[in-house]
Amino acid sequence: MKNILLTSIIIISLFFNINSFASQKDFFDEGIKLYNNKNFKESKIYFEKDIVFNPKNEKSYLYLAKIHNKQDNDDEYEINLNNVLLLNPTNDEAIYMLTLLKIKQYDYDQAKELNEQFVLICDSFCSKKNEIKEKLEKIIPENE
């Protein structure tokens, strides 16, 4: 009788763990669908839920950053980009986006440092090197 009870408990717990894992994946996927349909308010909720269950999912932080950028919330935009870079310091898209933010904020030194990092590790965003270079040249401090 104890073996049957123990086996039942194990099967039930495995069932809940599998369902929990599946729902975690659904949060990110649903967030992507809503984001692609430009439903940013709802997609933000799903990316935040995904982070609760998977705090190391850099993609959810990246999409949250994109949402905050579209909503002109630079503080949250920067926080989420920094979270992406904490999880993956070589995420070229996050470095690119943060560099543009620093240029927008006229933080030349930080933008220049990020650009140097970007040039070293760029992968999918290498075509953006010239764009950053041109924008950096527009904000060069007088003492340079």
C-alpha atoms as a PDB file:
ATOM      1  CA  MET A   1       0.000   0.000   0.000  1.00  0.00           C
ATOM      2  CA  LYS A   2       2.876   2.368   0.799  1.00  0.00           C
ATOM      3  CA  ASN A   3       4.472   1.656  -2.568  1.00  0.00           C
ATOM      4  CA  ILE A   4       1.260   2.497  -4.412  1.00  0.00           C
ATOM      5  CA  LEU A   5       0.859   5.735  -2.449  1.00  0.00           C
ATOM      6  CA  LEU A   6       4.498   6.691  -3.046  1.00  0.00           C
ATOM      7  CA  THR A   7       4.232   5.884  -6.757  1.00  0.00           C
ATOM      8  CA  SER A   8       1.031   7.945  -7.009  1.00  0.00           C
ATOM      9  CA  ILE A   9       2.687  10.920  -5.339  1.00  0.00           C
ATOM     10  CA  ILE A  10       5.684  10.718  -7.680  1.00  0.00           C
ATOM     11  CA  ILE A  11       3.466  10.503 -10.762  1.00  0.00           C
ATOM     12  CA  ILE A  12       1.336  13.440  -9.629  1.00  0.00           C
ATOM     13  CA  SER A  13       4.380  15.599  -8.844  1.00  0.00           C
ATOM     14  CA  LEU A  14       5.939  14.780 -12.223  1.00  0.00           C
ATOM     15  CA  PHE A  15       2.682  15.706 -13.915  1.00  0.00           C
ATOM     16  CA  PHE A  16       2.633  19.102 -12.179  1.00  0.00           C
ATOM     17  CA  ASN A  17       6.306  19.732 -12.934  1.00  0.00           C
ATOM     18  CA  ILE A  18       5.787  18.979 -16.629  1.00  0.00           C
ATOM     19  CA  ASN A  19       2.720  21.229 -16.753  1.00  0.00           C
ATOM     20  CA  SER A  20       4.618  23.962 -14.926  1.00  0.00           C
ATOM     21  CA  PHE A  21       7.486  23.768 -17.410  1.00  0.00           C
ATOM     22  CA  ALA A  22       5.097  23.860 -20.351  1.00  0.00           C
ATOM     23  CA  SER A  23       3.274  26.920 -19.002  1.00  0.00           C
ATOM     24  CA  GLN A  24       6.603  28.688 -18.441  1.00  0.00           C
ATOM     25  CA  LYS A  25       7.478  28.216 -22.105  1.00  0.00           C
ATOM     26  CA  ASP A  26       4.017  29.401 -23.057  1.00  0.00           C
ATOM     27  CA  PHE A  27       4.583  32.762 -21.293  1.00  0.00           C
ATOM     28  CA  PHE A  28       7.509  33.664 -23.552  1.00  0.00           C
ATOM     29  CA  ASP A  29       5.863  32.332 -26.716  1.00  0.00           C
ATOM     30  CA  GLU A  30       2.621  34.158 -25.962  1.00  0.00           C
ATOM     31  CA  GLY A  31       4.610  37.322 -25.240  1.00  0.00           C
ATOM     32  CA  ILE A  32       6.268  37.039 -28.655  1.00  0.00           C
ATOM     33  CA  LYS A  33       2.911  36.593 -30.412  1.00  0.00           C
ATOM     34  CA  LEU A  34       1.451  39.627 -28.676  1.00  0.00           C
ATOM     35  CA  TYR A  35       4.598  41.689 -29.308  1.00  0.00           C
ATOM     36  CA  ASN A  36       4.549  40.836 -33.009  1.00  0.00           C
ATOM     37  CA  ASN A  37       0.903  41.955 -33.092  1.00  0.00           C
ATOM     38  CA  LYS A  38       1.999  45.255 -31.480  1.00  0.00           C
ATOM     39  CA  ASN A  39       0.035  44.501 -28.304  1.00  0.00           C
ATOM     40  CA  PHE A  40       2.840  45.772 -26.090  1.00  0.00           C
ATOM     41  CA  LYS A  41       0.889  46.167 -22.857  1.00  0.00           C
ATOM     42  CA  GLU A  42      -0.233  42.514 -22.843  1.00  0.00           C
ATOM     43  CA  SER A  43       3.075  41.152 -24.133  1.00  0.00           C
ATOM     44  CA  LYS A  44       4.898  42.962 -21.318  1.00  0.00           C
ATOM     45  CA  ILE A  45       2.838  40.998 -18.788  1.00  0.00           C
ATOM     46  CA  TYR A  46       3.779  37.678 -20.392  1.00  0.00           C
ATOM     47  CA  PHE A  47       7.487  38.526 -20.541  1.00  0.00           C
ATOM     48  CA  GLU A  48       7.364  39.531 -16.867  1.00  0.00           C
ATOM     49  CA  LYS A  49       5.641  36.236 -16.010  1.00  0.00           C
ATOM     50  CA  ASP A  50       8.320  34.370 -17.949  1.00  0.00           C
ATOM     51  CA  ILE A  51      11.018  36.114 -15.924  1.00  0.00           C
ATOM     52  CA  VAL A  52       9.348  35.030 -12.680  1.00  0.00           C
ATOM     53  CA  PHE A  53       9.701  31.389 -13.704  1.00  0.00           C
ATOM     54  CA  ASN A  54      12.906  31.773 -15.695  1.00  0.00           C
ATOM     55  CA  PRO A  55      14.917  34.746 -14.357  1.00  0.00           C
ATOM     56  CA  LYS A  56      17.847  33.911 -16.638  1.00  0.00           C
ATOM     57  CA  ASN A  57      15.921  34.269 -19.902  1.00  0.00           C
ATOM     58  CA  GLU A  58      17.786  37.150 -21.503  1.00  0.00           C
ATOM     59  CA  LYS A  59      15.288  37.192 -24.380  1.00  0.00           C
ATOM     60  CA  SER A  60      12.419  38.206 -22.094  1.00  0.00           C
ATOM     61  CA  TYR A  61      14.515  41.074 -20.719  1.00  0.00           C
ATOM     62  CA  LEU A  62      15.420  42.097 -24.258  1.00  0.00           C
ATOM     63  CA  TYR A  63      11.783  42.193 -25.333  1.00  0.00           C
ATOM     64  CA  LEU A  64      10.867  44.148 -22.205  1.00  0.00           C
ATOM     65  CA  ALA A  65      13.586  46.622 -23.157  1.00  0.00           C
ATOM     66  CA  LYS A  66      12.130  46.913 -26.657  1.00  0.00           C
ATOM     67  CA  ILE A  67       8.670  47.554 -25.209  1.00  0.00           C
ATOM     68  CA  HIS A  68       9.976  50.253 -22.868  1.00  0.00           C
ATOM     69  CA  ASN A  69      11.842  51.833 -25.770  1.00  0.00           C
ATOM     70  CA  LYS A  70       8.620  52.026 -27.780  1.00  0.00           C
ATOM     71  CA  GLN A  71       6.919  53.568 -24.732  1.00  0.00           C
ATOM     72  CA  ASP A  72       9.773  56.113 -24.318  1.00  0.00           C
ATOM     73  CA  ASN A  73      10.563  54.841 -20.822  1.00  0.00           C
ATOM     74  CA  ASP A  74      14.342  55.222 -20.933  1.00  0.00           C
ATOM     75  CA  ASP A  75      14.919  54.224 -17.301  1.00  0.00           C
ATOM     76  CA  GLU A  76      13.220  50.835 -17.649  1.00  0.00           C
ATOM     77  CA  TYR A  77      14.711  50.452 -21.119  1.00  0.00           C
ATOM     78  CA  GLU A  78      18.197  50.811 -19.680  1.00  0.00           C
ATOM     79  CA  ILE A  79      17.494  48.551 -16.681  1.00  0.00           C
ATOM     80  CA  ASN A  80      16.315  45.722 -18.923  1.00  0.00           C
ATOM     81  CA  LEU A  81      19.234  46.132 -21.328  1.00  0.00           C
ATOM     82  CA  ASN A  82      21.631  45.971 -18.388  1.00  0.00           C
ATOM     83  CA  ASN A  83      19.888  42.792 -17.217  1.00  0.00           C
ATOM     84  CA  VAL A  84      20.415  41.255 -20.655  1.00  0.00           C
ATOM     85  CA  LEU A  85      24.098  42.155 -20.510  1.00  0.00           C
ATOM     86  CA  LEU A  86      24.459  40.748 -17.002  1.00  0.00           C
ATOM     87  CA  LEU A  87      23.141  37.437 -18.281  1.00  0.00           C
ATOM     88  CA  ASN A  88      25.011  37.571 -21.592  1.00  0.00           C
ATOM     89  CA  PRO A  89      27.745  40.221 -21.919  1.00  0.00           C
ATOM     90  CA  THR A  90      28.143  39.398 -25.620  1.00  0.00           C
ATOM     91  CA  ASN A  91      24.550  40.065 -26.680  1.00  0.00           C
ATOM     92  CA  ASP A  92      25.301  42.390 -29.577  1.00  0.00           C
ATOM     93  CA  GLU A  93      21.705  43.552 -29.970  1.00  0.00           C
ATOM     94  CA  ALA A  94      21.566  44.731 -26.340  1.00  0.00           C
ATOM     95  CA  ILE A  95      24.954  46.452 -26.666  1.00  0.00           C
ATOM     96  CA  TYR A  96      23.779  48.151 -29.852  1.00  0.00           C
ATOM     97  CA  MET A  97      20.550  49.327 -28.223  1.00  0.00           C
ATOM     98  CA  LEU A  98      22.334  50.540 -25.072  1.00  0.00           C
ATOM     99  CA  THR A  99      24.894  52.397 -27.189  1.00  0.00           C
ATOM    100  CA  LEU A 100      22.090  54.229 -28.999  1.00  0.00           C
ATOM    101  CA  LEU A 101      20.521  55.102 -25.652  1.00  0.00           C
ATOM    102  CA  LYS A 102      23.812  56.487 -24.344  1.00  0.00           C
ATOM    103  CA  ILE A 103      24.188  58.556 -27.522  1.00  0.00           C
ATOM    104  CA  LYS A 104      20.640  59.858 -27.013  1.00  0.00           C
ATOM    105  CA  GLN A 105      21.608  60.795 -23.440  1.00  0.00           C
ATOM    106  CA  TYR A 106      24.808  62.492 -24.700  1.00  0.00           C
ATOM    107  CA  ASP A 107      26.908  60.144 -22.574  1.00  0.00           C
ATOM    108  CA  TYR A 108      29.812  60.128 -24.991  1.00  0.00           C
ATOM    109  CA  ASP A 109      32.281  58.190 -22.837  1.00  0.00           C
ATOM    110  CA  GLN A 110      29.870  55.338 -22.124  1.00  0.00           C
ATOM    111  CA  ALA A 111      28.673  55.254 -25.727  1.00  0.00           C
ATOM    112  CA  LYS A 112      32.257  55.132 -26.985  1.00  0.00           C
ATOM    113  CA  GLU A 113      33.111  52.300 -24.576  1.00  0.00           C
ATOM    114  CA  LEU A 114      30.026  50.327 -25.578  1.00  0.00           C
ATOM    115  CA  ASN A 115      30.807  50.874 -29.252  1.00  0.00           C
ATOM    116  CA  GLU A 116      34.311  49.485 -28.785  1.00  0.00           C
ATOM    117  CA  GLN A 117      32.800  46.414 -27.143  1.00  0.00           C
ATOM    118  CA  PHE A 118      30.180  46.161 -29.904  1.00  0.00           C
ATOM    119  CA  VAL A 119      32.785  46.223 -32.669  1.00  0.00           C
ATOM    120  CA  LEU A 120      34.662  43.354 -31.016  1.00  0.00           C
ATOM    121  CA  ILE A 121      31.713  41.018 -30.563  1.00  0.00           C
ATOM    122  CA  CYS A 122      29.112  42.033 -33.153  1.00  0.00           C
ATOM    123  CA  ASP A 123      27.443  39.137 -34.862  1.00  0.00           C
ATOM    124  CA  SER A 124      23.958  39.743 -36.185  1.00  0.00           C
ATOM    125  CA  PHE A 125      24.134  43.547 -35.866  1.00  0.00           C
ATOM    126  CA  CYS A 126      27.504  44.216 -37.543  1.00  0.00           C
ATOM    127  CA  SER A 127      25.758  46.182 -40.263  1.00  0.00           C
ATOM    128  CA  LYS A 128      24.929  48.805 -37.601  1.00  0.00           C
ATOM    129  CA  LYS A 129      28.602  49.754 -36.983  1.00  0.00           C
ATOM    130  CA  ASN A 130      28.498  52.705 -39.371  1.00  0.00           C
ATOM    131  CA  GLU A 131      25.234  53.994 -37.907  1.00  0.00           C
ATOM    132  CA  ILE A 132      26.754  54.104 -34.437  1.00  0.00           C
ATOM    133  CA  LYS A 133      29.974  55.659 -35.734  1.00  0.00           C
ATOM    134  CA  GLU A 134      28.045  58.469 -37.433  1.00  0.00           C
ATOM    135  CA  LYS A 135      25.941  59.164 -34.347  1.00  0.00           C
ATOM    136  CA  LEU A 136      29.006  59.143 -32.090  1.00  0.00           C
ATOM    137  CA  GLU A 137      30.759  61.641 -34.329  1.00  0.00           C
ATOM    138  CA  LYS A 138      27.840  64.050 -33.883  1.00  0.00           C
ATOM    139  CA  ILE A 139      28.300  64.165 -30.098  1.00  0.00           C
ATOM    140  CA  ILE A 140      32.115  64.213 -29.826  1.00  0.00           C
ATOM    141  CA  PRO A 141      33.083  66.394 -26.871  1.00  0.00           C
ATOM    142  CA  GLU A 142      35.072  69.551 -27.627  1.00  0.00           C
ATOM    143  CA  ASN A 143      38.176  68.300 -25.792  1.00  0.00           C
ATOM    144  CA  GLU A 144      38.553  65.217 -28.058  1.00  0.00           C
END
